[in-house]
Structures are given as structure tokens and as C-alpha cells.
Protein backbone atom coordinates (compact mmCIF):
# COMPACT_ATOMS: atom_id res chain seq x y z
CA UNK A 1 -2.00 -8.13 -23.01
CA UNK A 2 -3.18 -5.63 -25.58
CA UNK A 3 -2.13 -2.02 -25.15
CA UNK A 4 -5.60 -0.74 -24.26
CA UNK A 5 -6.00 -3.22 -21.40
CA UNK A 6 -2.48 -2.45 -20.20
CA UNK A 7 -3.28 1.28 -20.18
CA UNK A 8 -6.51 0.74 -18.27
CA UNK A 9 -4.76 -1.55 -15.79
CA UNK A 10 -2.22 1.16 -14.94
CA UNK A 11 -4.90 3.85 -14.71
CA UNK A 12 -7.07 1.72 -12.40
CA UNK A 13 -4.15 0.85 -10.12
CA UNK A 14 -3.20 4.51 -10.07
CA UNK A 15 -6.69 5.61 -9.09
CA UNK A 16 -6.84 3.00 -6.34
CA UNK A 17 -3.43 3.93 -4.95
CA UNK A 18 -4.29 7.63 -4.98
CA UNK A 19 -7.56 7.01 -3.10
CA UNK A 20 -5.99 4.72 -0.49
CA UNK A 21 -3.06 7.08 -0.11
CA UNK A 22 -5.39 10.02 0.42
CA UNK A 23 -7.23 8.07 3.12
CA UNK A 24 -3.98 7.16 4.89
CA UNK A 25 -2.77 10.75 4.68
CA UNK A 26 -6.04 12.06 6.14
CA UNK A 27 -6.02 9.41 8.89
CA UNK A 28 -2.43 10.30 9.77
CA UNK A 29 -3.31 13.97 9.94
CA UNK A 30 -6.40 13.34 12.08
CA UNK A 31 -4.53 11.03 14.49
CA UNK A 32 -1.32 13.08 14.46
CA UNK A 33 0.57 10.09 13.01
CA UNK A 34 3.34 11.45 10.76
CA UNK A 35 4.36 7.94 9.70
CA UNK A 36 0.91 7.21 8.30
CA UNK A 37 0.89 10.60 6.56
CA UNK A 38 4.20 9.83 4.87
CA UNK A 39 2.92 6.40 3.88
CA UNK A 40 -0.19 8.00 2.40
CA UNK A 41 1.76 10.63 0.49
CA UNK A 42 4.07 7.95 -0.92
CA UNK A 43 1.12 5.83 -2.03
CA UNK A 44 -0.51 8.84 -3.69
CA UNK A 45 2.74 9.51 -5.57
CA UNK A 46 2.86 5.88 -6.68
CA UNK A 47 -0.72 6.22 -7.89
CA UNK A 48 0.12 9.32 -9.91
CA UNK A 49 3.05 7.44 -11.46
CA UNK A 50 0.83 4.51 -12.47
CA UNK A 51 -1.69 6.89 -14.00
CA UNK A 52 1.09 8.63 -15.93
CA UNK A 53 2.27 5.28 -17.31
CA UNK A 54 -1.29 4.46 -18.33
CA UNK A 55 -1.65 7.83 -20.07
CA UNK A 56 1.68 7.38 -21.85
CA UNK A 57 0.69 3.93 -23.08
CA UNK A 58 -2.63 5.30 -24.32
CA UNK A 59 -0.93 8.23 -26.06
CA UNK A 60 1.56 5.86 -27.69
CA UNK A 61 -1.28 3.63 -28.91
CA UNK A 62 -3.13 6.63 -30.34
CA UNK A 63 -0.07 7.78 -32.28
CA UNK A 64 0.22 4.48 -34.15
């Protein structure tokens, strides 16, 4: 897969994970479900990590 597509793939997965994680976190808070909140926070962190990988791949491509 070319580097641009790989970068976009990571960014898209990151955005999705952050959005779903935020929803789970909010649901857990509203329903007083600490387990769901933790799950949401973990998914948001995973999303941030994917976005960071996508940014790094894009930066690397731009340096070449």
C-alpha cells in the first residue's frame, strides 16, 4: 500500500476509535458504569495512537 493511503488509513481508524471511545465514555458516565468509561478512555487512547502513527507516516513521506 502506498504511504499516503497507509497514513490516511491510520488517521481514519484513529478518528473512528476516538469517536466511539468518546461515546462509550459518555455513556459510562451517564449510566454510572465505570467499566464502560474505562473502555471508552482506552479506545480514545488507541485512536490517538493511530492518528499519531498516521501523522508520523505523513511527515516521513513529506521529508523524502
